[in-house]
């Protein structure tokens, strides 16, 4: 890929905050967004797995993606949310510090062009919405190890 702009993406995204940074998930990968609830720890769980929640009778693993993205997450607050995504047919919860809005995105640069690929697993590239730059998240790369 080149460093030239790629143009408008054909799908809407949900913008989320993790630490002081902004990221976006393709809306078609998001099943629902829920308030933070009690997370039951899993003994000897791999790094990044905070535990599990009971979501209407279904046990859902909850992952702290800030570690994967090398971002310092904010302490849990009333704005903290669990974004439930569907990954390989299973529900997975992603902890985010905040959820902002549904946005249209313009892809400016892929992760292979800007050096993010080796540093931030799961970042597809950099997008722009309005005047803001946003990291575009790719679930396949971010969750493969889980």
Protein backbone atom coordinates (compact mmCIF):
# COMPACT_ATOMS: atom_id res chain seq x y z
CA UNK A 1 0.00 0.00 0.00
CA UNK A 2 1.08 3.54 -0.54
CA UNK A 3 1.03 6.55 1.74
CA UNK A 4 -1.66 8.22 -0.37
CA UNK A 5 -5.17 8.68 1.06
CA UNK A 6 -7.45 5.68 0.55
CA UNK A 7 -10.71 7.60 0.71
CA UNK A 8 -14.08 7.14 2.35
CA UNK A 9 -14.81 3.75 3.92
CA UNK A 10 -18.09 2.15 2.85
CA UNK A 11 -19.30 1.29 6.35
CA UNK A 12 -20.10 3.14 9.57
CA UNK A 13 -17.90 2.76 12.64
CA UNK A 14 -18.43 3.16 16.37
CA UNK A 15 -15.86 5.48 17.90
CA UNK A 16 -14.52 4.56 21.34
CA UNK A 17 -12.02 6.05 23.75
CA UNK A 18 -9.25 4.01 25.33
CA UNK A 19 -7.02 6.06 27.58
CA UNK A 20 -6.35 9.35 25.81
CA UNK A 21 -6.68 7.86 22.33
CA UNK A 22 -9.59 7.36 19.96
CA UNK A 23 -10.29 4.16 18.05
CA UNK A 24 -13.12 2.88 15.88
CA UNK A 25 -14.74 -0.51 15.33
CA UNK A 26 -16.75 -1.43 12.23
CA UNK A 27 -20.37 -1.28 13.35
CA UNK A 28 -21.23 -4.63 11.74
CA UNK A 29 -18.88 -6.36 14.22
CA UNK A 30 -20.59 -4.84 17.28
CA UNK A 31 -23.52 -6.80 18.73
CA UNK A 32 -24.25 -4.46 21.63
CA UNK A 33 -22.76 -2.04 24.11
CA UNK A 34 -23.42 -2.54 27.81
CA UNK A 35 -22.56 -0.75 31.02
CA UNK A 36 -19.70 -2.12 33.07
CA UNK A 37 -20.85 -4.95 35.30
CA UNK A 38 -19.17 -7.29 37.72
CA UNK A 39 -16.43 -9.28 36.00
CA UNK A 40 -15.60 -12.67 37.50
CA UNK A 41 -11.88 -13.36 37.38
CA UNK A 42 -10.66 -16.58 35.81
CA UNK A 43 -7.73 -18.18 37.68
CA UNK A 44 -4.54 -18.48 35.62
CA UNK A 45 -6.07 -16.60 32.69
CA UNK A 46 -3.81 -15.30 29.96
CA UNK A 47 -2.72 -11.67 30.03
CA UNK A 48 -5.44 -9.30 28.91
CA UNK A 49 -8.36 -11.54 29.87
CA UNK A 50 -10.05 -9.71 32.74
CA UNK A 51 -12.53 -12.51 33.35
CA UNK A 52 -16.08 -13.36 32.32
CA UNK A 53 -19.54 -11.85 32.64
CA UNK A 54 -22.98 -13.42 32.56
CA UNK A 55 -24.85 -11.76 29.71
CA UNK A 56 -28.46 -12.96 29.84
CA UNK A 57 -27.37 -16.51 30.64
CA UNK A 58 -24.37 -16.61 28.30
CA UNK A 59 -20.83 -16.58 29.70
CA UNK A 60 -18.83 -13.95 27.80
CA UNK A 61 -15.06 -13.44 28.16
CA UNK A 62 -14.04 -9.82 28.76
CA UNK A 63 -10.76 -8.58 27.35
CA UNK A 64 -8.74 -5.48 28.22
CA UNK A 65 -7.70 -4.37 24.74
CA UNK A 66 -5.66 -1.45 26.07
CA UNK A 67 -2.75 -3.83 26.71
CA UNK A 68 -2.90 -5.10 23.13
CA UNK A 69 -2.93 -1.52 21.85
CA UNK A 70 -0.14 -0.38 24.18
CA UNK A 71 -2.39 2.32 25.64
CA UNK A 72 -2.75 3.13 29.31
CA UNK A 73 -6.44 2.67 30.10
CA UNK A 74 -8.23 5.02 32.45
CA UNK A 75 -9.56 3.65 35.74
CA UNK A 76 -13.08 2.25 35.45
CA UNK A 77 -15.72 4.99 35.68
CA UNK A 78 -19.39 5.55 34.93
CA UNK A 79 -18.38 6.02 31.25
CA UNK A 80 -16.63 2.62 31.01
CA UNK A 81 -18.43 0.23 28.68
CA UNK A 82 -18.17 -3.34 27.50
CA UNK A 83 -18.50 -3.58 23.74
CA UNK A 84 -19.85 -7.02 22.85
CA UNK A 85 -18.51 -8.18 19.50
CA UNK A 86 -19.01 -11.35 17.55
CA UNK A 87 -15.70 -13.07 16.81
CA UNK A 88 -15.61 -16.44 15.06
CA UNK A 89 -19.19 -17.12 16.12
CA UNK A 90 -18.61 -16.33 19.81
CA UNK A 91 -19.44 -13.23 21.84
CA UNK A 92 -16.44 -11.41 23.33
CA UNK A 93 -16.53 -8.30 25.53
CA UNK A 94 -14.02 -5.51 24.98
CA UNK A 95 -13.45 -2.98 27.77
CA UNK A 96 -13.36 0.61 26.55
CA UNK A 97 -13.15 3.79 28.59
CA UNK A 98 -15.97 5.43 26.64
CA UNK A 99 -18.21 5.06 23.61
CA UNK A 100 -18.79 8.18 21.54
CA UNK A 101 -20.88 7.87 18.41
CA UNK A 102 -21.43 6.22 15.07
CA UNK A 103 -19.16 7.86 12.51
CA UNK A 104 -18.26 7.71 8.85
CA UNK A 105 -14.55 7.26 8.32
CA UNK A 106 -11.94 8.12 5.73
CA UNK A 107 -8.96 5.74 5.67
CA UNK A 108 -5.79 7.78 5.46
CA UNK A 109 -3.07 5.18 5.93
CA UNK A 110 -2.82 1.45 6.56
CA UNK A 111 -0.85 0.11 9.52
CA UNK A 112 1.75 -1.40 7.21
CA UNK A 113 2.44 2.06 5.77
CA UNK A 114 2.74 3.92 9.06
CA UNK A 115 4.71 1.46 11.19
CA UNK A 116 1.82 0.61 13.53
CA UNK A 117 1.68 -3.01 12.41
CA UNK A 118 4.61 -4.06 14.56
CA UNK A 119 3.61 -1.98 17.55
CA UNK A 120 -0.16 -2.25 17.85
CA UNK A 121 -1.69 -5.60 17.08
CA UNK A 122 -5.21 -5.09 15.83
CA UNK A 123 -4.83 -1.62 14.34
CA UNK A 124 -5.75 -1.74 10.66
CA UNK A 125 -4.72 1.85 10.02
CA UNK A 126 -5.44 5.48 10.70
CA UNK A 127 -8.73 7.07 9.75
CA UNK A 128 -10.16 10.55 9.96
CA UNK A 129 -13.58 11.67 11.03
CA UNK A 130 -14.03 15.41 10.93
CA UNK A 131 -10.84 16.89 12.37
CA UNK A 132 -9.97 13.84 14.49
CA UNK A 133 -7.52 11.04 13.71
CA UNK A 134 -8.70 7.61 14.84
CA UNK A 135 -7.07 4.17 14.99
CA UNK A 136 -9.15 1.67 13.02
CA UNK A 137 -9.41 -1.62 14.90
CA UNK A 138 -9.37 -5.04 13.25
CA UNK A 139 -10.83 -7.78 15.44
CA UNK A 140 -9.19 -10.67 13.59
CA UNK A 141 -5.68 -9.41 14.37
CA UNK A 142 -6.54 -8.19 17.87
CA UNK A 143 -8.32 -11.30 19.14
CA UNK A 144 -6.58 -14.18 17.35
CA UNK A 145 -4.65 -15.24 20.48
CA UNK A 146 -7.78 -15.43 22.65
